[in-house]
Amino acid sequence: MFTQTRRAFGKTALAGLAAAAFAPIGRARAAEAPLSFQSIWINDPEFIGYFIAIDKGWYKEGGLDLTYLPGGPDVIPQASLLTGKADIALTSLIETASAVSEKGATFKIIGAQFQKSPDSVISLEATGIKSIKDLVGKTVACPPLSLGTFKVLLGLNGVTEDQVKIVPYAFDPTPLATGQVDAVVDFMTSLPFIVEQTSGKKASYLLFYDFGLPFGQDLVTVNEETLKTRRKDIVAFMRASRKGWDEDFANPEKYTKEYENTWFKGNGYTPEAALFHSRIQVDLMKNPNGVFAMDDDWIEKNLATLDKVGVKADKSLFDTSILKEL
């Protein structure tokens, strides 16, 4: 079984780049070359820690000439790694593991921005959806490429496909806000607030993580060759990035407001929605061992989720050695 999220890439896209997976990307870059970092989505509070580190000059202090590459609906982070466009990228678990197991990509996940993925089932509180079992008899809008994972989630919670009416979803909050559907599958970092803004009705959400599919998101990923040849630079990147996130956690309101007309300009967020996003994501990211931490228990949970959705992977997908140097 294979599925994709709003940020994922298809098998066909990866297939076209399969040969590039074996190219010696790291050897083609001198150790002093600028470091390029591929984001996974458009510039919004999901990446504010990196923006802070850029603006504070913390990457430069670490000896890096960082090139930040924004993401978007047409950007494939894994492809940026395969082609050498990016040295480091934020990726999604299922797509990264699939690239390794099915296409031979030499990816290593070296850190996890989100300890818990924001992937959720979002509904209006008035519908009374408090568990996945409560979706029985309901209409749920789900992105076609996320359908496989959602069906696995249903099954894990004792709900069969025919007990739920599933309709396509294109990341438009209107159907939920107006009651055309009972729930949608999306990130909970912004949609609940946007729905409340547009409908005046209280929204709620159920994290996939809490209902049988625990996994991380925005995984810091590199090629094996890059990890080998540019280790010092990768450590410097991770240190500066962690410092940026720690700064944001201390005062999310300050930087959300500061970036309203710079980094966030034109992304469609209201200032209020951006602040909601900045605040709510903190608990999904924080770890007693610091941002990006990955312990054995967390890795095992991610591997178990991959197994449940039918993607082969083992511990070698993850490399925690960089984290030990931070």
Protein backbone atom coordinates (compact mmCIF):
# COMPACT_ATOMS: atom_id res chain seq x y z
CA MET A 1 0.00 0.00 0.00
CA PHE A 2 1.31 3.45 -0.84
CA THR A 3 -0.08 6.83 0.04
CA GLN A 4 0.89 10.45 -0.10
CA THR A 5 0.21 13.58 1.88
CA ARG A 6 -0.38 17.11 0.63
CA ARG A 7 3.39 17.41 0.33
CA ALA A 8 4.19 14.05 -1.13
CA PHE A 9 5.45 12.94 -4.48
CA GLY A 10 4.19 10.06 -6.60
CA LYS A 11 5.84 6.85 -7.60
CA THR A 12 5.99 8.07 -11.17
CA ALA A 13 7.88 11.20 -10.17
CA LEU A 14 10.38 9.18 -8.19
CA ALA A 15 10.71 6.56 -10.89
CA GLY A 16 11.88 9.23 -13.32
CA LEU A 17 14.62 10.15 -10.89
CA ALA A 18 15.60 6.64 -9.81
CA ALA A 19 18.92 6.71 -11.59
CA ALA A 20 19.86 9.90 -9.79
CA ALA A 21 19.57 8.10 -6.47
CA PHE A 22 22.86 6.39 -7.18
CA ALA A 23 24.79 9.46 -8.35
CA PRO A 24 27.68 10.49 -6.09
CA ILE A 25 26.05 13.79 -5.17
CA GLY A 26 28.24 14.47 -2.16
CA ARG A 27 31.47 14.00 -4.12
CA ALA A 28 30.37 16.60 -6.65
CA ARG A 29 30.30 19.26 -3.93
CA ALA A 30 33.39 20.64 -2.32
CA ALA A 31 33.38 20.74 1.46
CA GLU A 32 33.34 24.55 1.40
CA ALA A 33 30.43 24.76 -1.04
CA PRO A 34 27.26 26.60 0.03
CA LEU A 35 24.74 24.43 1.84
CA SER A 36 21.28 24.26 0.30
CA PHE A 37 18.21 23.46 2.40
CA GLN A 38 14.92 22.39 0.79
CA SER A 39 11.75 23.16 2.73
CA ILE A 40 8.62 21.04 2.34
CA TRP A 41 5.91 23.70 1.98
CA ILE A 42 5.28 27.40 1.43
CA ASN A 43 6.74 29.87 3.90
CA ASP A 44 4.55 29.78 6.99
CA PRO A 45 5.10 29.37 10.76
CA GLU A 46 5.97 25.70 10.23
CA PHE A 47 9.48 26.89 9.32
CA ILE A 48 9.88 29.95 11.50
CA GLY A 49 12.81 28.50 13.45
CA TYR A 50 14.90 28.36 10.28
CA PHE A 51 13.91 31.92 9.35
CA ILE A 52 15.03 33.14 12.77
CA ALA A 53 18.37 31.36 12.44
CA ILE A 54 18.87 32.91 8.99
CA ASP A 55 18.00 36.43 10.13
CA LYS A 56 20.09 36.18 13.30
CA GLY A 57 23.09 35.04 11.27
CA TRP A 58 23.44 31.78 13.20
CA TYR A 59 24.14 29.69 10.11
CA LYS A 60 26.91 32.08 9.11
CA GLU A 61 28.33 31.89 12.63
CA GLY A 62 28.53 28.13 12.09
CA GLY A 63 30.55 28.64 8.93
CA LEU A 64 27.66 28.02 6.55
CA ASP A 65 26.56 29.86 3.44
CA LEU A 66 22.96 28.61 3.56
CA THR A 67 20.64 28.73 0.60
CA TYR A 68 17.01 28.31 1.71
CA LEU A 69 14.70 26.77 -0.90
CA PRO A 70 10.97 27.25 -0.21
CA GLY A 71 8.58 24.38 -0.81
CA GLY A 72 5.10 24.33 -2.29
CA PRO A 73 2.51 22.13 -3.98
CA ASP A 74 4.79 21.51 -6.96
CA VAL A 75 7.99 20.98 -5.01
CA ILE A 76 9.26 17.45 -4.34
CA PRO A 77 11.81 17.57 -1.49
CA GLN A 78 13.06 14.05 -2.18
CA ALA A 79 13.69 14.98 -5.80
CA SER A 80 15.77 17.95 -4.66
CA LEU A 81 17.98 15.53 -2.74
CA LEU A 82 18.20 13.04 -5.59
CA THR A 83 19.21 15.63 -8.17
CA GLY A 84 21.67 17.45 -5.91
CA LYS A 85 19.63 20.65 -5.84
CA ALA A 86 19.51 20.36 -2.04
CA ASP A 87 21.97 19.00 0.49
CA ILE A 88 19.35 18.78 3.24
CA ALA A 89 15.57 18.55 2.94
CA LEU A 90 12.49 18.28 5.10
CA THR A 91 10.56 15.19 4.05
CA SER A 92 7.61 12.99 5.01
CA LEU A 93 8.03 9.54 6.54
CA ILE A 94 6.07 7.29 4.18
CA GLU A 95 7.43 8.89 1.02
CA THR A 96 11.02 8.81 2.27
CA ALA A 97 10.83 5.18 3.35
CA SER A 98 9.18 4.23 0.05
CA ALA A 99 11.94 5.95 -1.92
CA VAL A 100 14.53 3.90 -0.05
CA SER A 101 12.77 0.52 -0.15
CA GLU A 102 11.29 0.71 -3.64
CA LYS A 103 13.75 2.84 -5.60
CA GLY A 104 17.03 2.39 -3.79
CA ALA A 105 17.40 6.01 -2.73
CA THR A 106 20.25 6.46 -0.24
CA PHE A 107 18.36 8.67 2.20
CA LYS A 108 19.05 8.97 5.91
CA ILE A 109 16.68 10.65 8.33
CA ILE A 110 18.89 12.49 10.82
CA GLY A 111 16.30 14.44 12.83
CA ALA A 112 12.58 14.98 13.32
CA GLN A 113 11.18 18.49 13.47
CA PHE A 114 7.74 17.20 14.47
CA GLN A 115 7.79 14.45 17.08
CA LYS A 116 4.09 14.06 16.31
CA SER A 117 2.78 14.66 12.81
CA PRO A 118 0.03 17.30 12.53
CA ASP A 119 -1.97 14.91 10.29
CA SER A 120 -5.49 14.87 11.72
CA VAL A 121 -9.19 14.33 11.26
CA ILE A 122 -10.71 17.78 11.79
CA SER A 123 -14.37 18.42 12.55
CA LEU A 124 -16.76 20.92 14.08
CA GLU A 125 -17.17 20.27 17.78
CA ALA A 126 -20.96 20.19 17.37
CA THR A 127 -20.74 16.97 15.33
CA GLY A 128 -19.60 15.11 18.46
CA ILE A 129 -16.64 13.39 16.79
CA LYS A 130 -14.37 12.50 19.70
CA SER A 131 -12.82 9.31 18.35
CA ILE A 132 -12.28 7.59 15.02
CA LYS A 133 -15.21 5.29 15.85
CA ASP A 134 -17.45 8.37 15.85
CA LEU A 135 -16.86 8.69 12.08
CA VAL A 136 -19.32 5.85 11.45
CA GLY A 137 -22.17 7.24 9.38
CA LYS A 138 -20.30 10.51 8.76
CA THR A 139 -19.02 12.16 5.57
CA VAL A 140 -15.27 12.76 5.55
CA ALA A 141 -13.37 14.77 2.95
CA CYS A 142 -9.97 13.22 2.33
CA PRO A 143 -7.26 14.12 -0.20
CA PRO A 144 -7.15 11.28 -2.76
CA LEU A 145 -3.43 10.74 -2.19
CA SER A 146 -3.97 10.40 1.58
CA LEU A 147 -6.79 7.91 1.17
CA GLY A 148 -4.71 4.79 1.81
CA THR A 149 -3.38 6.01 5.15
CA PHE A 150 -6.84 7.18 6.22
CA LYS A 151 -8.34 3.77 5.45
CA VAL A 152 -5.62 2.12 7.53
CA LEU A 153 -6.49 4.49 10.37
CA LEU A 154 -10.15 3.51 10.12
CA GLY A 155 -9.33 -0.19 10.20
CA LEU A 156 -7.06 0.16 13.21
CA ASN A 157 -9.98 1.70 15.07
CA GLY A 158 -12.53 -0.93 14.10
CA VAL A 159 -14.25 1.08 11.39
CA THR A 160 -14.81 -0.38 7.92
CA GLU A 161 -14.66 1.68 4.73
CA ASP A 162 -18.34 1.20 3.98
CA GLN A 163 -19.27 2.72 7.33
CA VAL A 164 -17.89 6.11 6.29
CA LYS A 165 -18.74 8.20 3.24
CA ILE A 166 -15.42 9.44 1.89
CA VAL A 167 -15.37 12.33 -0.60
CA PRO A 168 -12.45 14.16 -2.25
CA TYR A 169 -10.85 17.09 -0.46
CA ALA A 170 -8.77 19.88 -1.99
CA PHE A 171 -7.67 21.70 1.17
CA ASP A 172 -10.61 24.11 1.06
CA PRO A 173 -12.13 24.74 4.53
CA THR A 174 -15.51 25.79 3.08
CA PRO A 175 -17.20 22.34 3.00
CA LEU A 176 -16.39 21.79 6.68
CA ALA A 177 -17.25 25.31 7.75
CA THR A 178 -20.61 25.16 5.98
CA GLY A 179 -21.50 21.65 7.13
CA GLN A 180 -21.30 20.00 3.70
CA VAL A 181 -18.99 17.40 5.27
CA ASP A 182 -18.61 16.25 8.87
CA ALA A 183 -14.82 16.09 8.90
CA VAL A 184 -11.72 16.58 6.77
CA VAL A 185 -8.23 15.04 6.74
CA ASP A 186 -5.61 17.79 6.99
CA PHE A 187 -2.94 19.33 9.23
CA MET A 188 -4.36 20.72 12.47
CA THR A 189 -1.81 23.52 12.67
CA SER A 190 -4.01 26.00 10.82
CA LEU A 191 -7.28 24.57 9.51
CA PRO A 192 -9.20 24.42 12.84
CA PHE A 193 -8.55 28.11 13.42
CA ILE A 194 -9.41 29.07 9.83
CA VAL A 195 -12.67 27.13 10.06
CA GLU A 196 -13.54 28.88 13.29
CA GLN A 197 -12.73 32.24 11.72
CA THR A 198 -14.97 31.62 8.72
CA SER A 199 -17.85 29.81 10.42
CA GLY A 200 -17.86 31.15 13.95
CA LYS A 201 -18.15 27.53 15.15
CA LYS A 202 -15.74 25.68 17.40
CA ALA A 203 -13.53 23.09 15.67
CA SER A 204 -11.73 20.05 17.08
CA TYR A 205 -9.28 17.47 15.76
CA LEU A 206 -8.02 13.91 16.24
CA LEU A 207 -4.32 13.36 15.61
CA PHE A 208 -3.45 10.26 13.59
CA TYR A 209 -0.63 9.87 16.13
CA ASP A 210 -3.08 9.34 18.99
CA PHE A 211 -5.25 6.78 17.20
CA GLY A 212 -2.87 4.06 16.10
CA LEU A 213 -0.59 5.71 13.52
CA PRO A 214 2.21 7.46 15.43
CA PHE A 215 4.79 9.07 13.18
CA GLY A 216 6.85 12.22 12.83
CA GLN A 217 6.78 14.91 10.15
CA ASP A 218 9.18 17.35 8.52
CA LEU A 219 12.03 14.88 8.86
CA VAL A 220 15.52 16.27 8.33
CA THR A 221 16.85 14.09 5.52
CA VAL A 222 20.15 13.82 3.64
CA ASN A 223 21.86 11.44 1.24
CA GLU A 224 24.35 8.99 2.74
CA GLU A 225 27.16 10.53 0.70
CA THR A 226 26.36 14.01 1.97
CA LEU A 227 26.31 12.73 5.52
CA LYS A 228 29.74 11.24 4.97
CA THR A 229 31.43 14.13 3.16
CA ARG A 230 29.78 17.14 4.81
CA ARG A 231 29.27 15.99 8.36
CA LYS A 232 30.73 19.14 9.93
CA ASP A 233 28.39 21.34 7.90
CA ILE A 234 25.37 19.20 8.76
CA VAL A 235 26.16 19.44 12.47
CA ALA A 236 26.48 23.22 12.15
CA PHE A 237 23.13 23.37 10.34
CA MET A 238 21.37 21.35 13.01
CA ARG A 239 22.87 23.41 15.84
CA ALA A 240 21.83 26.72 14.30
CA SER A 241 18.36 25.40 13.44
CA ARG A 242 17.79 24.11 16.97
CA LYS A 243 18.86 27.51 18.31
CA GLY A 244 16.33 29.16 15.99
CA TRP A 245 13.51 26.94 17.22
CA ASP A 246 14.43 27.48 20.87
CA GLU A 247 14.26 31.21 20.23
CA ASP A 248 10.82 30.89 18.64
CA PHE A 249 9.45 28.73 21.46
CA ALA A 250 10.44 31.43 23.94
CA ASN A 251 8.37 34.06 22.15
CA PRO A 252 6.30 32.86 19.18
CA GLU A 253 4.21 36.03 19.09
CA LYS A 254 7.24 38.24 18.54
CA TYR A 255 8.49 36.49 15.42
CA THR A 256 5.09 35.71 13.96
CA LYS A 257 4.31 39.42 13.98
CA GLU A 258 7.79 40.38 12.79
CA TYR A 259 7.59 38.11 9.75
CA GLU A 260 4.06 39.06 8.73
CA ASN A 261 5.30 41.25 5.86
CA THR A 262 8.57 39.46 5.15
CA TRP A 263 8.84 35.66 5.28
CA PHE A 264 5.06 35.15 5.50
CA LYS A 265 4.01 37.75 2.96
CA GLY A 266 1.50 36.44 0.41
CA ASN A 267 0.95 33.03 2.02
CA GLY A 268 -2.76 33.66 2.68
CA TYR A 269 -2.57 33.57 6.47
CA THR A 270 -4.21 36.20 8.63
CA PRO A 271 -1.99 37.40 11.49
CA GLU A 272 -4.28 35.57 13.90
CA ALA A 273 -4.05 32.29 11.99
CA ALA A 274 -0.27 32.57 11.84
CA LEU A 275 -0.07 33.04 15.61
CA PHE A 276 -2.40 30.07 16.18
CA HIS A 277 -0.12 27.98 13.99
CA SER A 278 3.03 29.11 15.80
CA ARG A 279 1.62 28.31 19.22
CA ILE A 280 -0.11 25.01 18.54
CA GLN A 281 2.87 23.38 16.83
CA VAL A 282 5.17 23.78 19.82
CA ASP A 283 3.85 20.77 21.73
CA LEU A 284 4.20 18.63 18.60
CA MET A 285 7.87 19.56 18.27
CA LYS A 286 9.33 19.84 21.76
CA ASN A 287 11.44 17.04 23.17
CA PRO A 288 13.33 16.92 26.50
CA ASN A 289 16.46 16.18 24.49
CA GLY A 290 15.95 19.14 22.18
CA VAL A 291 14.31 19.81 18.82
CA PHE A 292 15.00 17.09 16.21
CA ALA A 293 15.58 14.37 18.85
CA MET A 294 14.90 10.75 17.83
CA ASP A 295 15.17 8.04 20.48
CA ASP A 296 14.79 4.28 20.03
CA ASP A 297 11.17 4.27 21.18
CA TRP A 298 10.21 7.01 18.71
CA ILE A 299 11.97 5.22 15.86
CA GLU A 300 10.21 1.95 16.68
CA LYS A 301 6.83 3.71 16.61
CA ASN A 302 7.58 5.15 13.17
CA LEU A 303 8.70 1.76 11.86
CA ALA A 304 5.51 0.19 13.23
CA THR A 305 3.43 2.78 11.39
CA LEU A 306 5.29 2.08 8.16
CA ASP A 307 4.56 -1.61 8.61
CA LYS A 308 0.86 -0.89 9.13
CA VAL A 309 0.64 1.05 5.86
CA GLY A 310 2.61 -1.58 3.97
CA VAL A 311 5.98 0.15 3.52
CA LYS A 312 9.14 -1.85 4.24
CA ALA A 313 11.76 -0.19 6.40
CA ASP A 314 14.17 -0.87 9.25
CA LYS A 315 16.30 1.11 11.69
CA SER A 316 18.89 1.83 9.03
CA LEU A 317 16.52 4.46 7.63
CA PHE A 318 17.43 6.60 10.64
CA ASP A 319 20.83 7.89 11.70
CA THR A 320 21.00 9.46 15.18
CA SER A 321 24.74 10.07 15.20
CA ILE A 322 24.46 13.77 14.25
CA LEU A 323 22.11 14.39 17.18
CA LYS A 324 24.80 13.14 19.56
CA GLU A 325 27.11 15.91 18.37
CA LEU A 326 24.72 18.81 18.94
